[in-house]
Amino acid sequence: MKTLIKKIIHKGWPVVFLLAILTLSTVASCKDDDGGNNLPVIHYLRLTDPVLADSTFTDVERGTMLAVIGENLDGVIEVYINNQKISFNSTYSTPTSLIITVPYDEDFKLTSTNPELQAELRIVTNHGTATFPMHVLSPGPNIFFVSAFYPIEPGDEVTLMGQNFYEIKRIYFSKDSVEVTMPITDYQVSNDYEQITFNMPDKLKEGGYIFVDCYTDEASIEFVPAGPKPAITGISSTMPMPGTEVTIVGKNFINVSKVNINGEFDIPKEDLEVSEAMNAITFTMPEAPKNSGKIIVKAIGGPAELEGFYPREHIVLDFDNRGSRSWGDNSDTWTTDGTTDPFIADGKYSGIKGTISANNSWWGQIVTTTFWPGNDIIPDDTPISELELQFECYVTKLFDGPVLEIQLGGNFDASLKDYVPVSSFTGKTETAEWMQCSIPLESLVAEATWKEFTSRVNPPDAQGNSAPNNEVGIYVRNPSNKNDVSVEFYVDNFRIVPIQKEN
């Protein structure tokens, strides 16, 4: 540049022309220095967490916030992922980086279901466009069960029922979940990516595992040609009212022949409704068993058992043989005649019904004397945290404002407040039908063990009277601003049982 200036001065070129050349040269030099005319470039992607700054990738989860690292990334106009325009915050843009978030909404299309889309990130700036390969991952696969006619023979059609069977890389059998026994190459995937169908290979006669390896993740399920063993994981109620619907949940309820109730009677196959997914059995409880015991489901893969059905020795109050109603307003004890709510019941039951005004903290009550199980049923050292209070409840219509307070053993300091009955099976307040409610005992009891609770002596009140420790009390409160709120619910068969542990 200095040589050029000397030549211009030496030849006596006009000063104005000299200044023009200097100005153009300076501007060009500045643009070269700051890269303003250079094309944008993406070098890599990383997470925004500084601790993970060294972790780069091209596969990303939906909803992930990313830092795009590159050069000349200023002046961003638009950003595209999978050829779909996404929003971005220009505040998080610098010449060397741009922070974006991969969309998570259902409208955002993935290349797994739309292979015509380009799996890339594209950034459009006011001085060019940069692209970078980026694969937005689909949800990982799950296999729920194997659908087939058992026992499965070579050549039989088999369908894997599940979800998210996207971008399958391979399907194979393995006897030990390590070594590939046989690949499955001829298969069909349903349009909703929830079923995989193939024919059983002739060479495969033994059990093992079926693996579905997808781009995102791998799923597997045990394969038993004769039929997998069933399992029970839960039930709608441990003491369902006779005449009400019972649902058993679990898995592998395949070719169920019967359900046995406590060794006393069977529910035959024709009276059972098995779900399409073979993970639920529904039937109507014909009668109450005389003794406590267990439910047994007989299926092609063998029996499945659930202990603690009709736990009569754990009953603390049933208004018939154990415990009784002591006192209460707007409450009573009834037996059903089948013409009014509740239309079905198990002997005597109690409840509260009527109209409660707003901000009423002392209205209806059911106070009862209970019968605590002995230490042969619940050992003295049983932690309270391992027990729960179960009872059947019938709500005629949803509560609109009122709540319940429940006290156990006469200790109001430890009472459960603001309780609304909900089904322990569905998690909702079921109306116009009996439902099982379950409350962890530690929500009602201050003591640490069963013996500490049953042997506690309550302090006397202002009148010198001590509440008995063998008591259950239910009280209706109305903290809302609504007037004339109708309340009607019924309760029966209170029992204290071990909390069911998941299998």
Protein backbone atom coordinates (compact mmCIF):
# COMPACT_ATOMS: atom_id res chain seq x y z
CA MET A 1 0.00 0.00 0.00
CA LYS A 2 2.82 2.41 0.91
CA THR A 3 4.58 1.59 -2.41
CA LEU A 4 1.41 2.42 -4.33
CA ILE A 5 1.10 5.78 -2.56
CA LYS A 6 4.72 6.65 -3.35
CA LYS A 7 4.15 5.85 -7.04
CA ILE A 8 1.05 8.04 -7.15
CA ILE A 9 2.80 10.97 -5.49
CA HIS A 10 5.85 10.57 -7.73
CA LYS A 11 3.72 10.70 -10.90
CA GLY A 12 1.80 13.72 -9.58
CA TRP A 13 -1.71 12.19 -9.63
CA PRO A 14 -4.48 14.51 -8.43
CA VAL A 15 -4.93 14.70 -4.67
CA VAL A 16 -8.65 14.00 -4.97
CA PHE A 17 -7.96 10.74 -6.81
CA LEU A 18 -5.39 9.82 -4.18
CA LEU A 19 -7.90 10.34 -1.35
CA ALA A 20 -10.48 8.23 -3.13
CA ILE A 21 -8.06 5.33 -3.45
CA LEU A 22 -7.08 5.64 0.20
CA THR A 23 -10.72 5.61 1.32
CA LEU A 24 -11.61 2.52 -0.72
CA SER A 25 -8.51 0.72 0.47
CA THR A 26 -9.25 1.51 4.11
CA VAL A 27 -12.87 0.32 3.87
CA ALA A 28 -11.82 -2.90 2.14
CA SER A 29 -9.15 -3.47 4.76
CA CYS A 30 -11.66 -3.00 7.60
CA LYS A 31 -14.15 -5.42 6.04
CA ASP A 32 -11.41 -7.98 5.62
CA ASP A 33 -10.48 -7.54 9.29
CA ASP A 34 -13.98 -7.98 10.79
CA GLY A 35 -15.17 -10.66 8.34
CA GLY A 36 -18.37 -8.77 7.45
CA ASN A 37 -18.39 -10.08 3.90
CA ASN A 38 -17.29 -13.62 4.78
CA LEU A 39 -19.77 -16.52 4.59
CA PRO A 40 -21.06 -17.94 7.91
CA VAL A 41 -19.67 -21.31 8.99
CA ILE A 42 -20.87 -23.81 11.63
CA HIS A 43 -18.06 -25.78 13.26
CA TYR A 44 -19.95 -27.86 15.84
CA LEU A 45 -22.86 -28.08 18.31
CA ARG A 46 -22.59 -28.33 22.08
CA LEU A 47 -24.75 -27.98 25.16
CA THR A 48 -25.01 -24.58 26.84
CA ASP A 49 -23.81 -25.98 30.17
CA PRO A 50 -20.17 -24.84 30.53
CA VAL A 51 -19.31 -28.12 32.27
CA LEU A 52 -20.29 -29.97 29.08
CA ALA A 53 -18.65 -27.50 26.70
CA ASP A 54 -16.29 -30.17 25.35
CA SER A 55 -19.17 -32.49 24.44
CA THR A 56 -20.01 -32.08 20.74
CA PHE A 57 -22.59 -34.03 18.76
CA THR A 58 -24.91 -34.19 15.76
CA ASP A 59 -27.78 -36.13 17.41
CA VAL A 60 -30.06 -34.03 19.62
CA GLU A 61 -33.19 -34.54 21.73
CA ARG A 62 -36.31 -32.49 21.18
CA GLY A 63 -36.50 -29.56 23.59
CA THR A 64 -32.70 -29.34 23.96
CA MET A 65 -31.05 -25.92 24.20
CA LEU A 66 -27.95 -25.84 22.00
CA ALA A 67 -24.97 -23.60 21.46
CA VAL A 68 -24.08 -23.41 17.76
CA ILE A 69 -20.36 -22.62 17.46
CA GLY A 70 -18.86 -21.22 14.27
CA GLU A 71 -17.69 -18.08 12.48
CA ASN A 72 -19.45 -15.06 11.01
CA LEU A 73 -22.75 -15.98 12.68
CA ASP A 74 -23.82 -12.35 13.17
CA GLY A 75 -26.76 -10.86 11.32
CA VAL A 76 -28.96 -13.97 11.65
CA ILE A 77 -32.26 -13.62 9.80
CA GLU A 78 -33.78 -17.13 9.95
CA VAL A 79 -33.03 -20.53 11.49
CA TYR A 80 -34.28 -23.88 10.13
CA ILE A 81 -34.21 -27.41 11.55
CA ASN A 82 -35.37 -30.27 9.33
CA ASN A 83 -36.31 -27.55 6.79
CA GLN A 84 -38.76 -26.06 9.32
CA LYS A 85 -38.40 -22.49 10.46
CA ILE A 86 -37.91 -22.13 14.22
CA SER A 87 -37.89 -19.11 16.49
CA PHE A 88 -34.71 -17.77 18.07
CA ASN A 89 -33.64 -14.89 20.30
CA SER A 90 -31.25 -12.50 18.56
CA THR A 91 -29.98 -11.46 21.99
CA TYR A 92 -28.20 -14.83 22.17
CA SER A 93 -26.33 -14.27 18.91
CA THR A 94 -22.65 -13.36 18.47
CA PRO A 95 -20.29 -13.66 15.49
CA THR A 96 -19.01 -16.97 16.88
CA SER A 97 -22.12 -18.51 18.47
CA LEU A 98 -25.90 -18.74 18.44
CA ILE A 99 -28.09 -20.29 21.12
CA ILE A 100 -31.23 -22.08 19.91
CA THR A 101 -33.77 -24.56 21.30
CA VAL A 102 -34.96 -27.59 19.34
CA PRO A 103 -38.79 -27.49 19.18
CA TYR A 104 -40.70 -30.01 21.29
CA ASP A 105 -44.28 -29.40 20.10
CA GLU A 106 -46.21 -32.05 18.16
CA ASP A 107 -46.28 -29.93 15.00
CA PHE A 108 -42.51 -30.17 14.63
CA LYS A 109 -41.79 -32.92 12.09
CA LEU A 110 -39.01 -35.47 12.50
CA THR A 111 -37.04 -37.14 9.73
CA SER A 112 -37.91 -40.54 11.20
CA THR A 113 -41.51 -40.18 9.99
CA ASN A 114 -40.77 -37.70 7.20
CA PRO A 115 -37.66 -38.99 5.37
CA GLU A 116 -38.09 -36.36 2.65
CA LEU A 117 -36.94 -33.71 5.13
CA GLN A 118 -33.28 -32.74 5.32
CA ALA A 119 -31.73 -33.70 8.68
CA GLU A 120 -29.78 -30.52 9.14
CA LEU A 121 -29.52 -27.16 10.87
CA ARG A 122 -29.60 -24.16 8.54
CA ILE A 123 -28.79 -20.62 9.61
CA VAL A 124 -29.57 -17.78 7.20
CA THR A 125 -27.71 -14.49 7.78
CA ASN A 126 -27.65 -11.18 5.90
CA HIS A 127 -24.36 -12.24 4.36
CA GLY A 128 -24.93 -15.92 3.54
CA THR A 129 -26.21 -19.32 4.70
CA ALA A 130 -24.55 -22.02 6.83
CA THR A 131 -25.69 -25.65 7.18
CA PHE A 132 -24.69 -28.44 9.53
CA PRO A 133 -25.86 -32.10 9.73
CA MET A 134 -28.12 -32.55 12.75
CA HIS A 135 -30.42 -35.46 13.56
CA VAL A 136 -33.33 -34.75 15.93
CA LEU A 137 -33.97 -38.02 17.75
CA SER A 138 -37.33 -39.73 17.89
CA PRO A 139 -38.70 -41.07 21.22
CA GLY A 140 -37.12 -44.38 22.24
CA PRO A 141 -38.94 -47.67 21.51
CA ASN A 142 -40.96 -49.73 23.99
CA ILE A 143 -42.27 -53.29 23.62
CA PHE A 144 -45.40 -53.95 25.66
CA PHE A 145 -46.16 -57.56 24.79
CA VAL A 146 -45.96 -60.24 22.11
CA SER A 147 -49.25 -60.86 20.32
CA ALA A 148 -49.63 -64.36 18.87
CA PHE A 149 -51.60 -67.60 19.15
CA TYR A 150 -49.85 -69.67 21.79
CA PRO A 151 -48.03 -71.96 21.79
CA ILE A 152 -46.06 -70.35 18.94
CA GLU A 153 -44.80 -72.70 16.23
CA PRO A 154 -42.27 -71.99 13.43
CA GLY A 155 -43.97 -70.05 10.63
CA ASP A 156 -46.64 -68.54 12.91
CA GLU A 157 -47.30 -64.82 12.66
CA VAL A 158 -46.00 -62.80 15.59
CA THR A 159 -46.67 -59.13 16.33
CA LEU A 160 -44.69 -57.00 18.73
CA MET A 161 -47.03 -54.47 20.33
CA GLY A 162 -45.46 -51.28 21.62
CA GLN A 163 -44.65 -47.75 20.56
CA ASN A 164 -42.01 -45.60 18.87
CA PHE A 165 -40.71 -48.20 16.43
CA TYR A 166 -38.88 -45.49 14.45
CA GLU A 167 -35.77 -45.89 12.30
CA ILE A 168 -35.25 -49.58 13.02
CA LYS A 169 -31.66 -50.68 12.51
CA ARG A 170 -32.18 -54.38 13.23
CA ILE A 171 -34.43 -56.93 14.96
CA TYR A 172 -32.97 -60.10 16.37
CA PHE A 173 -33.40 -62.99 18.81
CA SER A 174 -30.97 -63.76 21.60
CA LYS A 175 -31.00 -66.65 24.04
CA ASP A 176 -28.92 -64.88 26.65
CA SER A 177 -29.48 -61.19 25.73
CA VAL A 178 -25.81 -61.01 24.69
CA GLU A 179 -25.13 -63.15 21.63
CA VAL A 180 -27.34 -62.73 18.55
CA THR A 181 -29.13 -66.04 17.92
CA MET A 182 -30.97 -65.07 14.75
CA PRO A 183 -31.66 -61.80 12.93
CA ILE A 184 -35.16 -61.00 11.67
CA THR A 185 -34.94 -59.24 8.33
CA ASP A 186 -38.41 -59.76 6.87
CA TYR A 187 -40.82 -57.67 8.95
CA GLN A 188 -43.47 -54.98 8.57
CA VAL A 189 -43.95 -51.87 10.70
CA SER A 190 -47.44 -50.41 11.08
CA ASN A 191 -48.20 -46.88 9.90
CA ASP A 192 -48.49 -45.67 13.50
CA TYR A 193 -45.11 -47.24 14.40
CA GLU A 194 -46.76 -49.27 17.22
CA GLN A 195 -46.60 -52.79 15.74
CA ILE A 196 -43.94 -54.96 14.15
CA THR A 197 -45.15 -58.13 12.42
CA PHE A 198 -43.10 -61.09 11.19
CA ASN A 199 -43.28 -64.86 10.89
CA MET A 200 -41.54 -67.06 13.40
CA PRO A 201 -38.31 -68.47 11.89
CA ASP A 202 -38.24 -72.22 11.36
CA LYS A 203 -34.99 -72.62 13.27
CA LEU A 204 -36.16 -70.84 16.40
CA LYS A 205 -37.92 -73.17 18.83
CA GLU A 206 -36.44 -72.14 22.15
CA GLY A 207 -37.16 -69.13 24.30
CA GLY A 208 -35.00 -66.10 24.81
CA TYR A 209 -35.32 -62.40 24.08
CA ILE A 210 -36.48 -60.32 21.15
CA PHE A 211 -34.55 -57.09 20.59
CA VAL A 212 -35.63 -54.10 18.51
CA ASP A 213 -32.65 -51.84 17.88
CA CYS A 214 -33.68 -48.36 16.71
CA TYR A 215 -31.57 -45.33 15.91
CA THR A 216 -32.46 -43.67 19.24
CA ASP A 217 -32.41 -46.65 21.60
CA GLU A 218 -33.00 -50.39 22.00
CA ALA A 219 -35.96 -52.27 23.49
CA SER A 220 -36.32 -55.94 24.38
CA ILE A 221 -38.86 -58.41 25.71
CA GLU A 222 -38.67 -61.99 26.93
CA PHE A 223 -39.89 -64.52 24.38
CA VAL A 224 -41.47 -67.79 25.55
CA PRO A 225 -42.95 -69.89 22.72
CA ALA A 226 -45.22 -71.77 25.13
CA GLY A 227 -46.51 -68.50 26.61
CA PRO A 228 -44.91 -66.00 29.05
CA LYS A 229 -45.64 -66.19 32.74
CA PRO A 230 -48.39 -63.76 33.82
CA ALA A 231 -47.96 -61.28 36.65
CA ILE A 232 -50.40 -59.21 38.74
CA THR A 233 -49.28 -55.70 39.66
CA GLY A 234 -52.47 -54.26 41.14
CA ILE A 235 -56.21 -54.42 41.64
CA SER A 236 -58.98 -51.83 41.76
CA SER A 237 -59.89 -52.79 45.33
CA THR A 238 -58.76 -55.38 47.86
CA MET A 239 -62.34 -55.53 49.23
CA PRO A 240 -64.71 -54.83 46.32
CA MET A 241 -68.41 -54.74 47.08
CA PRO A 242 -70.32 -57.76 45.73
CA GLY A 243 -72.00 -56.75 42.49
CA THR A 244 -69.35 -54.15 41.59
CA GLU A 245 -66.78 -54.28 38.81
CA VAL A 246 -63.26 -55.46 39.65
CA THR A 247 -60.18 -54.85 37.51
CA ILE A 248 -56.90 -56.74 37.87
CA VAL A 249 -53.88 -55.19 36.15
CA GLY A 250 -50.58 -56.83 35.24
CA LYS A 251 -49.09 -58.43 32.14
CA ASN A 252 -49.23 -61.55 29.97
CA PHE A 253 -52.89 -62.34 30.63
CA ILE A 254 -52.86 -64.69 27.64
CA ASN A 255 -55.55 -67.37 27.19
CA VAL A 256 -56.85 -66.83 30.71
CA SER A 257 -58.97 -69.80 31.77
CA LYS A 258 -60.24 -68.56 35.14
CA VAL A 259 -59.68 -66.35 38.17
CA ASN A 260 -59.79 -68.02 41.58
CA ILE A 261 -60.99 -66.05 44.61
CA ASN A 262 -59.25 -66.99 47.87
CA GLY A 263 -59.53 -70.70 47.08
CA GLU A 264 -63.31 -70.53 47.61
CA PHE A 265 -64.76 -70.08 44.11
CA ASP A 266 -63.78 -69.36 40.50
CA ILE A 267 -64.72 -66.66 38.02
CA PRO A 268 -64.99 -68.67 34.77
CA LYS A 269 -63.45 -67.61 31.47
CA GLU A 270 -66.80 -66.58 29.97
CA ASP A 271 -67.31 -64.03 32.78
CA LEU A 272 -63.89 -62.43 32.29
CA GLU A 273 -63.06 -59.53 29.98
CA VAL A 274 -59.37 -59.41 29.04
CA SER A 275 -58.01 -56.21 27.49
CA GLU A 276 -56.57 -56.21 23.98
CA ALA A 277 -53.14 -55.50 25.45
CA MET A 278 -53.60 -58.53 27.75
CA ASN A 279 -52.65 -56.38 30.74
CA ALA A 280 -56.05 -56.08 32.46
CA ILE A 281 -58.87 -58.43 33.47
CA THR A 282 -62.32 -57.13 34.40
CA PHE A 283 -65.20 -59.03 36.01
CA THR A 284 -68.15 -58.50 38.35
CA MET A 285 -67.64 -59.61 41.94
CA PRO A 286 -70.38 -62.23 42.42
CA GLU A 287 -70.11 -62.51 46.21
CA ALA A 288 -67.75 -61.76 49.07
CA PRO A 289 -65.40 -64.57 50.08
CA LYS A 290 -65.78 -65.80 53.63
CA ASN A 291 -62.05 -65.72 54.39
CA SER A 292 -59.05 -63.64 53.46
CA GLY A 293 -56.64 -65.05 50.90
CA LYS A 294 -55.30 -64.41 47.43
CA ILE A 295 -56.46 -63.98 43.86
CA ILE A 296 -55.01 -66.42 41.32
CA VAL A 297 -55.13 -65.80 37.57
CA LYS A 298 -54.71 -68.96 35.48
CA ALA A 299 -53.20 -68.21 32.04
CA ILE A 300 -51.32 -70.17 29.38
CA GLY A 301 -47.98 -69.20 30.93
CA GLY A 302 -49.00 -70.45 34.38
CA PRO A 303 -50.62 -68.89 37.47
CA ALA A 304 -50.20 -65.35 38.80
CA GLU A 305 -51.06 -64.53 42.42
CA LEU A 306 -51.96 -61.47 44.45
CA GLU A 307 -51.91 -61.80 48.24
CA GLY A 308 -54.07 -59.86 50.66
CA PHE A 309 -57.46 -60.09 48.95
CA TYR A 310 -60.33 -59.48 51.36
CA PRO A 311 -57.98 -59.00 54.36
CA ARG A 312 -60.70 -59.56 56.97
CA GLU A 313 -58.26 -59.85 59.87
CA HIS A 314 -57.05 -56.30 59.07
CA ILE A 315 -60.54 -54.74 59.29
CA VAL A 316 -60.82 -52.07 62.00
CA LEU A 317 -64.37 -50.92 61.22
CA ASP A 318 -67.16 -52.38 59.07
CA PHE A 319 -70.29 -51.28 61.03
CA ASP A 320 -71.34 -54.96 61.18
CA ASN A 321 -68.94 -57.12 63.17
CA ARG A 322 -66.03 -54.83 63.98
CA GLY A 323 -66.40 -51.36 65.41
CA SER A 324 -69.47 -49.16 65.34
CA ARG A 325 -70.63 -45.58 64.84
CA SER A 326 -70.50 -43.62 68.10
CA TRP A 327 -71.95 -40.23 67.26
CA GLY A 328 -72.14 -37.49 64.63
CA ASP A 329 -74.34 -34.86 63.03
CA ASN A 330 -75.79 -35.26 59.53
CA SER A 331 -74.63 -38.87 59.56
CA ASP A 332 -76.09 -42.27 60.28
CA THR A 333 -75.76 -46.00 59.58
CA TRP A 334 -77.80 -47.66 56.84
CA THR A 335 -78.35 -50.82 54.83
CA THR A 336 -79.24 -50.48 51.16
CA ASP A 337 -82.59 -51.46 49.68
CA GLY A 338 -81.31 -51.24 46.12
CA THR A 339 -83.49 -48.26 45.16
CA THR A 340 -81.28 -45.30 46.22
CA ASP A 341 -77.59 -44.46 46.46
CA PRO A 342 -75.65 -46.55 47.10
CA PHE A 343 -77.55 -49.24 45.23
CA ILE A 344 -75.07 -51.95 46.26
CA ALA A 345 -73.48 -52.40 49.69
CA ASP A 346 -71.88 -54.99 51.97
CA GLY A 347 -74.14 -55.06 55.03
CA LYS A 348 -74.20 -51.86 57.08
CA TYR A 349 -72.37 -48.70 56.06
CA SER A 350 -72.24 -45.10 57.26
CA GLY A 351 -72.10 -41.71 55.59
CA ILE A 352 -72.77 -37.99 55.71
CA LYS A 353 -75.34 -36.16 53.62
CA GLY A 354 -76.97 -32.76 53.62
CA THR A 355 -76.29 -29.12 52.79
CA ILE A 356 -73.38 -27.20 54.27
CA SER A 357 -73.04 -23.42 54.24
CA ALA A 358 -69.88 -21.49 53.34
CA ASN A 359 -66.99 -21.18 55.80
CA ASN A 360 -68.50 -23.86 58.02
CA SER A 361 -65.78 -25.66 59.99
CA TRP A 362 -68.02 -27.88 62.15
CA TRP A 363 -70.88 -29.53 60.35
CA GLY A 364 -71.15 -33.26 59.65
CA GLN A 365 -69.21 -35.97 61.49
CA ILE A 366 -68.83 -39.71 61.65
CA VAL A 367 -67.08 -40.67 64.87
CA THR A 368 -66.65 -44.40 65.40
CA THR A 369 -65.16 -46.92 67.77
CA THR A 370 -62.64 -49.18 66.05
CA PHE A 371 -60.99 -52.53 66.61
CA TRP A 372 -57.21 -52.50 66.16
CA PRO A 373 -55.64 -55.74 64.84
CA GLY A 374 -53.42 -57.56 67.32
CA ASN A 375 -49.67 -58.02 67.04
CA ASP A 376 -50.24 -61.44 65.48
CA ILE A 377 -51.69 -59.59 62.48
CA ILE A 378 -49.57 -56.43 62.57
CA PRO A 379 -46.35 -57.00 64.53
CA ASP A 380 -45.61 -54.39 67.22
CA ASP A 381 -42.40 -53.22 65.56
CA THR A 382 -44.01 -52.61 62.16
CA PRO A 383 -43.05 -49.09 61.01
CA ILE A 384 -46.03 -46.80 60.51
CA SER A 385 -44.46 -45.80 57.18
CA GLU A 386 -45.14 -49.35 55.89
CA LEU A 387 -48.89 -49.27 56.62
CA GLU A 388 -51.90 -47.58 55.07
CA LEU A 389 -55.57 -47.02 55.84
CA GLN A 390 -57.89 -48.39 53.16
CA PHE A 391 -61.65 -47.98 52.97
CA GLU A 392 -64.46 -48.14 50.44
CA CYS A 393 -66.12 -44.83 49.59
CA TYR A 394 -69.20 -43.94 47.53
CA VAL A 395 -69.51 -40.29 46.43
CA THR A 396 -72.80 -39.34 44.80
CA LYS A 397 -71.30 -36.32 43.01
CA LEU A 398 -68.04 -34.38 42.98
CA PHE A 399 -67.24 -32.23 45.98
CA ASP A 400 -67.51 -28.52 45.15
CA GLY A 401 -65.78 -26.75 47.99
CA PRO A 402 -66.13 -29.06 51.01
CA VAL A 403 -63.16 -31.09 52.23
CA LEU A 404 -62.73 -33.77 54.87
CA GLU A 405 -60.62 -33.96 57.98
CA ILE A 406 -59.75 -37.48 59.13
CA GLN A 407 -58.33 -38.31 62.54
CA LEU A 408 -57.13 -41.67 63.74
CA GLY A 409 -56.78 -42.69 67.37
CA GLY A 410 -58.23 -39.43 68.75
CA ASN A 411 -55.13 -37.38 67.90
CA PHE A 412 -56.33 -34.21 66.17
CA ASP A 413 -52.79 -32.81 66.06
CA ALA A 414 -51.88 -35.49 63.53
CA SER A 415 -55.16 -35.46 61.59
CA LEU A 416 -55.25 -35.31 57.78
CA LYS A 417 -56.86 -32.07 56.66
CA ASP A 418 -58.27 -30.91 53.31
CA TYR A 419 -58.82 -34.45 52.08
CA VAL A 420 -61.06 -35.25 49.11
CA PRO A 421 -61.80 -38.95 48.47
CA VAL A 422 -60.05 -40.30 45.38
CA SER A 423 -59.71 -43.80 43.99
CA SER A 424 -56.35 -45.38 44.77
CA PHE A 425 -56.72 -47.20 41.44
CA THR A 426 -57.60 -44.37 39.04
CA GLY A 427 -56.37 -41.36 41.04
CA LYS A 428 -59.72 -39.64 40.48
CA THR A 429 -62.88 -39.11 42.50
CA GLU A 430 -65.19 -41.70 41.02
CA THR A 431 -68.88 -40.86 41.43
CA ALA A 432 -71.95 -43.08 41.79
CA GLU A 433 -69.82 -46.16 42.42
CA TRP A 434 -67.80 -47.68 45.22
CA MET A 435 -64.06 -46.98 45.06
CA GLN A 436 -61.11 -47.90 47.27
CA CYS A 437 -59.40 -44.98 49.00
CA SER A 438 -55.91 -45.43 50.43
CA ILE A 439 -54.13 -43.07 52.83
CA PRO A 440 -50.56 -43.67 54.10
CA LEU A 441 -50.81 -44.16 57.85
CA GLU A 442 -47.97 -41.70 58.45
CA SER A 443 -50.36 -38.98 57.17
CA LEU A 444 -52.65 -39.76 60.14
CA VAL A 445 -50.34 -40.99 62.88
CA ALA A 446 -47.49 -39.25 64.70
CA GLU A 447 -45.92 -42.39 66.18
CA ALA A 448 -43.13 -44.37 64.51
CA THR A 449 -44.32 -47.96 65.11
CA TRP A 450 -47.61 -49.81 65.38
CA LYS A 451 -47.18 -50.54 69.09
CA GLU A 452 -46.42 -46.90 69.88
CA PHE A 453 -49.63 -45.91 68.14
CA THR A 454 -51.97 -48.50 69.68
CA SER A 455 -50.60 -47.96 73.22
CA ARG A 456 -50.69 -44.15 73.15
CA VAL A 457 -52.85 -42.37 75.77
CA ASN A 458 -54.38 -39.09 74.62
CA PRO A 459 -54.04 -36.05 76.92
CA PRO A 460 -57.27 -34.78 78.54
CA ASP A 461 -59.14 -31.82 77.06
CA ALA A 462 -60.28 -28.68 78.95
CA GLN A 463 -63.10 -30.67 80.56
CA GLY A 464 -60.70 -33.39 81.65
CA ASN A 465 -61.89 -35.93 79.09
CA SER A 466 -59.43 -37.95 77.01
CA ALA A 467 -60.39 -39.05 73.51
CA PRO A 468 -60.10 -42.83 73.14
CA ASN A 469 -57.21 -44.01 70.99
CA ASN A 470 -59.41 -46.62 69.25
CA GLU A 471 -61.33 -44.09 67.17
CA VAL A 472 -61.78 -42.99 63.57
CA GLY A 473 -63.32 -39.59 62.97
CA ILE A 474 -64.39 -38.01 59.66
CA TYR A 475 -65.41 -34.34 59.71
CA VAL A 476 -66.72 -32.16 56.87
CA ARG A 477 -65.36 -28.64 56.45
CA ASN A 478 -66.40 -26.00 53.91
CA PRO A 479 -63.72 -23.32 53.52
CA SER A 480 -65.16 -22.00 50.23
CA ASN A 481 -67.29 -18.94 49.58
CA LYS A 482 -70.08 -20.99 48.09
CA ASN A 483 -73.35 -21.29 49.98
CA ASP A 484 -75.69 -24.24 50.21
CA VAL A 485 -73.23 -26.87 48.99
CA SER A 486 -74.61 -30.39 48.80
CA VAL A 487 -72.57 -33.22 50.35
CA GLU A 488 -73.36 -36.92 50.15
CA PHE A 489 -70.89 -39.76 50.55
CA TYR A 490 -70.78 -43.17 52.21
CA VAL A 491 -67.96 -45.25 53.73
CA ASP A 492 -67.40 -48.86 54.77
CA ASN A 493 -64.82 -51.58 55.45
CA PHE A 494 -61.95 -49.62 56.99
CA ARG A 495 -58.77 -51.69 57.24
CA ILE A 496 -55.12 -51.11 58.04
CA VAL A 497 -52.86 -53.12 55.76
CA PRO A 498 -49.23 -53.21 54.60
CA ILE A 499 -48.54 -50.88 51.71
CA GLN A 500 -48.41 -52.93 48.52
CA LYS A 501 -44.88 -53.02 47.13
CA GLU A 502 -44.46 -52.89 43.37
CA ASN A 503 -43.23 -56.10 41.76
